[in-house]
């Protein structure tokens, strides 16, 4: 399942009637999974829409409203698992609004909430992640939402972005980081002699990196896939572009015929590879779509006017800046290849309007890297270094903006 963020939620606020209710999408399915540590609501829609989240008490609940024309669900499935959410309902609460009410077994707060645009045969979706909360903070949320609802009654203000798990802190200024776990589904990627597949390594790293970045409160973070799903390279690029990502990070762990080659590195795109190995790796990644039975579509020829050229130059500059920031943080934490900031013609880095880097976490053809890639302690250390590098990159971008003013 892909997961790309477009935060457009309101919190305890009425909606401006910008389009006809008849043009709102329908709710076609909803499901909830829960554990004691977290819960997830997924609402399938016939199109992207706006949403609002409010906390309620007596009993403790979290209500999720979406702009919708109709609810096409006869009876939602029971909650999968046991934990934060004990039950839920979905109904058309009033004309133009569908409400999903999550009944909580213990206080919870929204960690993140995002809309996914429709991709291939997957419908548009709203995803809401919950994590535990304290009774005191939950009560504060209920009071704040009630106050906002009363204040906005009878009005039609514009959308106010929700900052999951916090009060009064706008999420609109948070950059969107899209993390792309390489391979998936029928495409295992590289494989170690012990049978470990690259697709599983990259997904584990991506999930942990998402958690660490979200915990900082600075970023909206999304994964191109959250399970063992196959996506073509152009789908990954298109998802980042359609959702206007501020940084795209593709995670990989390849193999090479020389087992002594090891260490992490960070790539930006260049048609001229840094060395022979880089060319081999890029060709291998670009070929996976063919091997898996999917042809990589050719890019549509574009007129290279000066504006497009300037945009691409700016993105390549930013990509290189991101690569350098990440490498600086990786260097004291994990083994790196010689000259770890590298260039290669990776298809997945082709977006002309999104800064993009590819992180090679290590080599599944090297015994030391294989051992490290499977250790939770090494993964945590690497993930934290990646997160620091991402934060440093956005700090440097902000400094550049301030300096230019």
Protein backbone atom coordinates (compact mmCIF):
# COMPACT_ATOMS: atom_id res chain seq x y z
CA UNK A 1 0.00 0.00 0.00
CA UNK A 2 1.35 3.39 -0.86
CA UNK A 3 1.16 6.25 1.58
CA UNK A 4 1.64 9.77 0.36
CA UNK A 5 0.76 12.73 2.50
CA UNK A 6 -1.41 15.66 1.54
CA UNK A 7 -2.49 17.20 4.85
CA UNK A 8 -5.74 19.06 4.27
CA UNK A 9 -7.53 18.44 7.56
CA UNK A 10 -9.43 20.82 9.78
CA UNK A 11 -9.76 20.57 13.54
CA UNK A 12 -13.14 21.41 15.04
CA UNK A 13 -13.92 23.80 12.17
CA UNK A 14 -16.74 24.20 9.66
CA UNK A 15 -15.90 23.84 5.97
CA UNK A 16 -16.11 26.41 3.22
CA UNK A 17 -18.48 25.20 0.51
CA UNK A 18 -16.03 25.48 -2.37
CA UNK A 19 -17.61 22.82 -4.62
CA UNK A 20 -21.05 21.30 -5.05
CA UNK A 21 -21.88 18.50 -2.62
CA UNK A 22 -22.76 16.33 -5.60
CA UNK A 23 -19.11 16.56 -6.66
CA UNK A 24 -17.83 15.19 -3.35
CA UNK A 25 -16.45 11.64 -3.47
CA UNK A 26 -18.20 8.62 -1.99
CA UNK A 27 -16.91 6.59 0.95
CA UNK A 28 -16.62 3.06 -0.41
CA UNK A 29 -14.87 1.20 2.41
CA UNK A 30 -13.34 1.65 5.87
CA UNK A 31 -11.24 -0.55 8.11
CA UNK A 32 -9.40 -0.28 11.40
CA UNK A 33 -6.49 -2.27 12.80
CA UNK A 34 -5.37 -1.88 16.40
CA UNK A 35 -2.69 -2.89 18.88
CA UNK A 36 -2.03 -1.49 22.37
CA UNK A 37 0.71 0.72 20.89
CA UNK A 38 -1.05 2.11 17.82
CA UNK A 39 -4.12 1.96 15.59
CA UNK A 40 -4.78 2.80 11.96
CA UNK A 41 -7.97 3.87 10.19
CA UNK A 42 -8.13 3.61 6.39
CA UNK A 43 -11.07 5.08 4.49
CA UNK A 44 -11.35 4.25 0.78
CA UNK A 45 -12.82 7.04 -1.36
CA UNK A 46 -13.76 7.57 -4.98
CA UNK A 47 -11.57 10.68 -4.93
CA UNK A 48 -9.39 12.83 -2.71
CA UNK A 49 -11.22 15.05 -0.24
CA UNK A 50 -10.82 17.21 2.85
CA UNK A 51 -11.19 15.91 6.36
CA UNK A 52 -11.51 17.02 9.96
CA UNK A 53 -10.63 15.28 13.23
CA UNK A 54 -12.15 15.93 16.63
CA UNK A 55 -11.71 14.33 20.07
CA UNK A 56 -14.84 13.52 22.10
CA UNK A 57 -15.51 12.23 25.60
CA UNK A 58 -18.19 10.27 27.48
CA UNK A 59 -17.15 7.84 26.08
CA UNK A 60 -13.69 8.64 24.78
CA UNK A 61 -13.82 8.77 20.98
CA UNK A 62 -12.08 10.25 17.98
CA UNK A 63 -14.35 11.32 15.13
CA UNK A 64 -13.06 11.69 11.58
CA UNK A 65 -15.25 13.70 9.21
CA UNK A 66 -14.73 13.76 5.45
CA UNK A 67 -16.45 15.75 2.76
CA UNK A 68 -18.47 13.04 1.02
CA UNK A 69 -21.60 12.72 -1.10
CA UNK A 70 -22.58 9.24 0.10
CA UNK A 71 -21.45 6.24 2.17
CA UNK A 72 -21.49 3.04 0.12
CA UNK A 73 -20.72 0.72 3.07
CA UNK A 74 -23.46 -1.59 4.30
CA UNK A 75 -21.59 -2.69 7.43
CA UNK A 76 -17.91 -2.01 8.16
CA UNK A 77 -15.74 -4.93 9.26
CA UNK A 78 -14.85 -5.40 12.90
CA UNK A 79 -11.63 -3.89 14.24
CA UNK A 80 -8.69 -6.10 13.29
CA UNK A 81 -6.76 -6.88 16.46
CA UNK A 82 -7.21 -5.54 19.97
CA UNK A 83 -5.82 -2.33 21.37
CA UNK A 84 -6.46 1.41 21.24
CA UNK A 85 -9.73 1.17 19.27
CA UNK A 86 -12.49 -1.16 20.46
CA UNK A 87 -15.07 -0.44 17.73
CA UNK A 88 -15.99 2.03 14.99
CA UNK A 89 -18.93 3.21 12.92
CA UNK A 90 -19.28 4.96 9.56
CA UNK A 91 -22.34 7.00 8.65
CA UNK A 92 -23.48 9.97 6.59
CA UNK A 93 -23.99 12.31 9.53
CA UNK A 94 -25.40 15.13 7.41
CA UNK A 95 -25.57 16.14 3.78
CA UNK A 96 -22.02 16.40 2.45
CA UNK A 97 -20.33 14.90 5.52
CA UNK A 98 -19.47 11.31 6.41
CA UNK A 99 -18.36 10.62 9.96
CA UNK A 100 -16.22 7.72 11.15
CA UNK A 101 -16.32 7.41 14.93
CA UNK A 102 -13.58 5.46 16.66
CA UNK A 103 -14.49 4.31 20.17
CA UNK A 104 -11.32 4.17 22.24
CA UNK A 105 -10.40 1.59 24.84
CA UNK A 106 -7.88 4.08 26.28
CA UNK A 107 -6.92 7.71 25.55
CA UNK A 108 -5.33 8.19 22.12
CA UNK A 109 -4.11 11.00 19.91
CA UNK A 110 -3.59 11.39 16.17
CA UNK A 111 0.03 10.81 15.24
CA UNK A 112 -0.47 11.68 11.59
CA UNK A 113 -3.28 11.87 9.06
CA UNK A 114 -3.01 12.04 5.31
CA UNK A 115 -4.84 11.67 2.01
CA UNK A 116 -3.56 9.31 -0.66
CA UNK A 117 -4.38 10.07 -4.25
CA UNK A 118 -5.67 7.21 -6.37
CA UNK A 119 -2.85 5.15 -7.92
CA UNK A 120 -3.40 2.51 -10.59
CA UNK A 121 -6.17 0.22 -9.28
CA UNK A 122 -6.01 1.59 -5.73
CA UNK A 123 -8.67 4.13 -4.74
CA UNK A 124 -8.01 7.41 -3.00
CA UNK A 125 -7.64 6.90 0.73
CA UNK A 126 -7.59 8.72 4.01
CA UNK A 127 -5.19 7.23 6.54
CA UNK A 128 -5.27 8.18 10.23
CA UNK A 129 -2.67 6.80 12.67
CA UNK A 130 -3.32 6.85 16.42
CA UNK A 131 -0.91 6.42 19.31
CA UNK A 132 -1.53 6.36 23.09
CA UNK A 133 -2.21 9.59 24.95
CA UNK A 134 -2.45 10.60 28.60
CA UNK A 135 -5.88 11.20 30.14
CA UNK A 136 -4.88 14.79 30.90
CA UNK A 137 -3.79 15.59 27.35
CA UNK A 138 -6.81 13.86 25.84
CA UNK A 139 -9.09 15.98 28.06
CA UNK A 140 -7.28 19.09 26.85
CA UNK A 141 -7.87 18.04 23.24
CA UNK A 142 -11.57 17.49 23.89
CA UNK A 143 -11.89 20.93 25.49
CA UNK A 144 -9.91 22.64 22.71
CA UNK A 145 -11.96 20.95 19.97
CA UNK A 146 -15.22 21.86 21.67
CA UNK A 147 -14.09 25.48 22.00
CA UNK A 148 -13.05 25.62 18.35
CA UNK A 149 -16.35 24.07 17.26
CA UNK A 150 -18.36 26.65 19.22
CA UNK A 151 -16.22 29.51 17.92
CA UNK A 152 -16.65 28.40 14.30
CA UNK A 153 -20.36 27.60 14.50
CA UNK A 154 -22.21 29.30 11.69
CA UNK A 155 -18.99 30.30 9.95
CA UNK A 156 -17.22 28.87 6.94
CA UNK A 157 -13.50 29.36 7.51
CA UNK A 158 -10.77 27.92 5.36
CA UNK A 159 -9.06 24.70 6.30
CA UNK A 160 -6.83 24.76 9.37
CA UNK A 161 -4.19 22.01 9.15
CA UNK A 162 -4.10 19.52 11.99
CA UNK A 163 -0.82 18.97 13.77
CA UNK A 164 -1.19 15.37 14.95
CA UNK A 165 -0.63 14.92 18.65
CA UNK A 166 -0.16 18.59 19.45
CA UNK A 167 -2.25 21.70 20.08
CA UNK A 168 -2.17 24.92 18.16
CA UNK A 169 0.89 24.17 16.05
CA UNK A 170 0.29 24.51 12.32
CA UNK A 171 1.44 21.62 10.17
CA UNK A 172 1.29 23.58 6.94
CA UNK A 173 4.91 24.71 7.23
CA UNK A 174 6.23 21.17 7.67
CA UNK A 175 8.08 19.80 4.66
CA UNK A 176 6.93 16.49 3.17
CA UNK A 177 9.56 13.76 3.07
CA UNK A 178 8.69 10.77 0.87
CA UNK A 179 10.63 7.61 1.70
CA UNK A 180 10.79 4.97 -1.01
CA UNK A 181 11.65 1.43 0.19
CA UNK A 182 13.22 -0.11 -2.89
CA UNK A 183 11.64 -3.11 -4.65
CA UNK A 184 8.70 -5.10 -3.21
CA UNK A 185 6.17 -7.72 -4.24
CA UNK A 186 7.39 -9.88 -7.11
CA UNK A 187 10.62 -7.86 -7.15
CA UNK A 188 12.87 -9.07 -4.32
CA UNK A 189 15.74 -6.82 -5.32
CA UNK A 190 19.15 -8.11 -4.29
CA UNK A 191 19.40 -11.22 -2.09
CA UNK A 192 22.04 -12.28 0.43
CA UNK A 193 23.41 -15.86 0.48
CA UNK A 194 21.33 -16.49 3.61
CA UNK A 195 18.12 -15.67 1.72
CA UNK A 196 17.54 -12.16 3.06
CA UNK A 197 15.94 -9.98 0.39
CA UNK A 198 16.65 -6.32 -0.27
CA UNK A 199 12.91 -5.51 -0.34
CA UNK A 200 12.54 -6.54 3.33
CA UNK A 201 15.68 -4.68 4.44
CA UNK A 202 14.58 -1.44 2.81
CA UNK A 203 11.03 -1.62 4.16
CA UNK A 204 12.24 -2.16 7.74
CA UNK A 205 14.57 0.84 7.44
CA UNK A 206 11.86 3.00 5.86
CA UNK A 207 9.31 2.27 8.60
CA UNK A 208 11.83 3.11 11.34
CA UNK A 209 12.99 6.26 9.55
CA UNK A 210 9.39 7.41 9.22
CA UNK A 211 8.84 6.94 12.97
CA UNK A 212 11.97 8.89 13.89
CA UNK A 213 11.18 11.78 11.55
CA UNK A 214 7.57 12.02 12.71
CA UNK A 215 8.71 12.04 16.34
CA UNK A 216 10.68 15.23 15.71
CA UNK A 217 7.44 17.08 14.94
CA UNK A 218 9.19 18.83 12.05
CA UNK A 219 8.12 16.74 9.08
CA UNK A 220 5.23 15.09 7.33
CA UNK A 221 6.50 11.69 6.25
CA UNK A 222 5.10 9.15 3.80
CA UNK A 223 6.18 5.82 2.36
CA UNK A 224 5.68 4.82 -1.27
CA UNK A 225 4.84 1.36 0.07
CA UNK A 226 4.07 0.12 3.58
CA UNK A 227 3.96 -3.60 2.82
CA UNK A 228 5.21 -6.13 0.28
CA UNK A 229 3.72 -4.30 -2.71
CA UNK A 230 5.23 -3.94 -6.16
CA UNK A 231 5.47 -0.45 -7.64
CA UNK A 232 7.10 0.46 -10.93
CA UNK A 233 9.86 3.03 -10.88
CA UNK A 234 7.75 5.61 -12.68
CA UNK A 235 4.91 5.09 -10.16
CA UNK A 236 7.31 5.93 -7.33
CA UNK A 237 8.46 9.08 -9.10
CA UNK A 238 4.91 10.09 -10.03
CA UNK A 239 3.71 9.69 -6.43
CA UNK A 240 6.42 12.02 -5.16
CA UNK A 241 5.68 14.60 -7.85
CA UNK A 242 1.88 14.46 -7.55
CA UNK A 243 2.11 15.03 -3.80
CA UNK A 244 4.70 17.81 -4.19
CA UNK A 245 7.31 16.17 -1.97
CA UNK A 246 10.03 18.43 -0.57
CA UNK A 247 12.51 15.54 -0.50
CA UNK A 248 12.41 12.04 -2.03
CA UNK A 249 14.66 9.36 -0.50
CA UNK A 250 14.94 5.93 -2.12
CA UNK A 251 16.45 3.19 0.08
CA UNK A 252 18.42 0.25 -1.34
CA UNK A 253 20.91 -2.48 -0.40
CA UNK A 254 22.45 -4.00 -3.52
CA UNK A 255 24.94 -6.71 -4.40
CA UNK A 256 28.11 -6.65 -6.48
CA UNK A 257 30.33 -9.36 -7.92
CA UNK A 258 33.26 -8.21 -5.76
CA UNK A 259 32.35 -9.22 -2.16
CA UNK A 260 34.93 -6.88 -0.64
CA UNK A 261 32.88 -3.86 -1.75
CA UNK A 262 30.95 -2.59 1.26
CA UNK A 263 29.63 0.50 3.01
CA UNK A 264 26.87 3.05 2.63
CA UNK A 265 26.71 5.78 -0.01
CA UNK A 266 24.28 8.43 -1.22
CA UNK A 267 23.50 9.06 -4.89
CA UNK A 268 22.13 11.95 -6.86
CA UNK A 269 21.16 11.58 -10.49
CA UNK A 270 23.59 12.10 -13.31
CA UNK A 271 23.64 10.51 -16.72
CA UNK A 272 27.40 10.03 -16.30
CA UNK A 273 27.98 7.55 -13.45
CA UNK A 274 30.79 8.16 -10.93
CA UNK A 275 32.49 4.87 -11.79
CA UNK A 276 31.82 1.49 -13.35
CA UNK A 277 30.18 0.06 -10.22
CA UNK A 278 27.77 2.98 -10.06
CA UNK A 279 26.78 2.42 -13.68
CA UNK A 280 26.22 -1.30 -13.02
CA UNK A 281 24.07 -0.56 -9.96
CA UNK A 282 21.98 2.03 -11.79
CA UNK A 283 21.45 -0.26 -14.79
CA UNK A 284 20.46 -3.05 -12.44
CA UNK A 285 17.87 -0.95 -10.61
CA UNK A 286 16.46 0.41 -13.87
CA UNK A 287 16.24 -3.12 -15.26
CA UNK A 288 14.20 -4.53 -12.36
CA UNK A 289 10.95 -3.31 -13.91
CA UNK A 290 11.76 -5.27 -17.06
CA UNK A 291 12.72 -8.41 -15.13
CA UNK A 292 9.51 -8.22 -13.10
CA UNK A 293 7.49 -8.07 -16.29
CA UNK A 294 6.81 -4.35 -16.38
CA UNK A 295 8.30 -2.07 -19.01
CA UNK A 296 9.62 1.29 -17.87
CA UNK A 297 7.76 3.86 -19.96
CA UNK A 298 9.86 6.26 -21.94
CA UNK A 299 9.83 9.84 -20.76
CA UNK A 300 7.75 12.15 -22.93
CA UNK A 301 10.05 14.46 -24.93
CA UNK A 302 9.94 17.95 -23.47
CA UNK A 303 10.83 21.31 -24.86
CA UNK A 304 13.88 22.32 -22.85
CA UNK A 305 13.15 26.00 -22.40
CA UNK A 306 15.10 28.08 -19.98
CA UNK A 307 12.58 27.79 -17.11
CA UNK A 308 12.63 23.99 -17.15
CA UNK A 309 16.42 24.04 -17.36
CA UNK A 310 16.67 26.34 -14.36
CA UNK A 311 14.26 24.18 -12.37
CA UNK A 312 16.26 21.04 -13.03
CA UNK A 313 19.49 22.75 -12.12
CA UNK A 314 17.95 23.92 -8.86
CA UNK A 315 16.69 20.42 -8.04
CA UNK A 316 20.07 18.87 -8.77
CA UNK A 317 21.74 21.45 -6.57
CA UNK A 318 19.32 20.72 -3.75
CA UNK A 319 19.70 16.97 -4.24
CA UNK A 320 23.46 17.26 -3.94
CA UNK A 321 23.03 19.43 -0.85
CA UNK A 322 20.78 16.76 0.69
CA UNK A 323 23.27 14.01 -0.15
CA UNK A 324 26.12 15.92 1.49
CA UNK A 325 24.05 16.60 4.62
CA UNK A 326 23.12 12.93 4.97
CA UNK A 327 26.68 11.73 4.41
CA UNK A 328 28.01 14.13 7.06
CA UNK A 329 25.73 12.50 9.61
CA UNK A 330 26.33 8.95 8.40
CA UNK A 331 30.11 9.28 8.44
CA UNK A 332 30.69 8.99 12.21
CA UNK A 333 27.99 6.35 12.62
CA UNK A 334 28.37 3.70 9.90
CA UNK A 335 31.01 2.47 7.41
CA UNK A 336 30.90 4.40 4.14
CA UNK A 337 32.25 3.75 0.67
CA UNK A 338 35.16 5.80 -0.51
CA UNK A 339 33.78 9.08 -1.92
CA UNK A 340 30.30 8.34 -0.51
CA UNK A 341 28.50 11.18 -2.35
CA UNK A 342 28.08 9.73 -5.81
CA UNK A 343 26.21 10.21 -9.07
CA UNK A 344 24.47 7.63 -11.24
CA UNK A 345 21.62 7.54 -13.73
CA UNK A 346 18.98 6.00 -11.46
CA UNK A 347 15.54 6.23 -13.04
CA UNK A 348 13.89 6.72 -9.64
CA UNK A 349 15.80 10.01 -9.20
CA UNK A 350 14.52 11.55 -12.41
CA UNK A 351 11.85 13.92 -10.99
CA UNK A 352 12.69 17.39 -12.38
CA UNK A 353 10.87 19.21 -9.59
CA UNK A 354 11.63 17.15 -6.44
CA UNK A 355 15.07 16.98 -4.75
CA UNK A 356 15.86 13.25 -4.83
CA UNK A 357 18.58 11.01 -3.42
CA UNK A 358 19.15 7.27 -3.35
CA UNK A 359 20.74 5.82 -0.21
CA UNK A 360 22.64 2.57 -0.59
CA UNK A 361 22.58 1.21 2.96
CA UNK A 362 25.19 -1.44 2.23
CA UNK A 363 25.85 -4.53 0.13
CA UNK A 364 24.15 -7.89 0.49
CA UNK A 365 27.20 -9.41 -1.20
CA UNK A 366 29.46 -8.44 1.72
CA UNK A 367 29.40 -10.51 4.92
CA UNK A 368 29.97 -7.55 7.26
CA UNK A 369 27.25 -5.46 5.61
CA UNK A 370 24.83 -8.40 5.67
CA UNK A 371 25.35 -8.80 9.41
CA UNK A 372 24.91 -5.08 10.05
CA UNK A 373 21.80 -4.72 7.90
CA UNK A 374 20.03 -7.35 10.01
CA UNK A 375 20.98 -5.89 13.41
CA UNK A 376 18.36 -3.67 15.04
CA UNK A 377 21.08 -1.71 16.87
CA UNK A 378 22.89 -0.93 13.60
CA UNK A 379 19.62 -0.09 11.89
CA UNK A 380 18.64 2.30 14.69
CA UNK A 381 22.01 4.02 14.54
CA UNK A 382 21.79 4.39 10.77
CA UNK A 383 18.19 5.60 10.85
CA UNK A 384 19.01 8.24 13.45
CA UNK A 385 21.95 9.43 11.36
CA UNK A 386 19.73 9.63 8.27
CA UNK A 387 17.16 11.62 10.22
CA UNK A 388 19.81 14.07 11.43
CA UNK A 389 21.06 14.47 7.88
CA UNK A 390 17.56 15.19 6.59
CA UNK A 391 17.04 17.79 9.32
CA UNK A 392 20.41 19.37 8.51
CA UNK A 393 19.45 19.58 4.84
CA UNK A 394 16.23 21.46 5.56
CA UNK A 395 18.07 23.71 8.02
CA UNK A 396 20.56 24.59 5.28
CA UNK A 397 17.76 25.24 2.78
CA UNK A 398 16.09 27.57 5.25
CA UNK A 399 19.37 29.43 5.83
CA UNK A 400 19.79 29.87 2.08
CA UNK A 401 16.26 31.31 1.83
CA UNK A 402 16.89 33.74 4.69
CA UNK A 403 20.24 34.77 3.22
CA UNK A 404 18.69 35.50 -0.17
CA UNK A 405 16.02 37.79 1.29
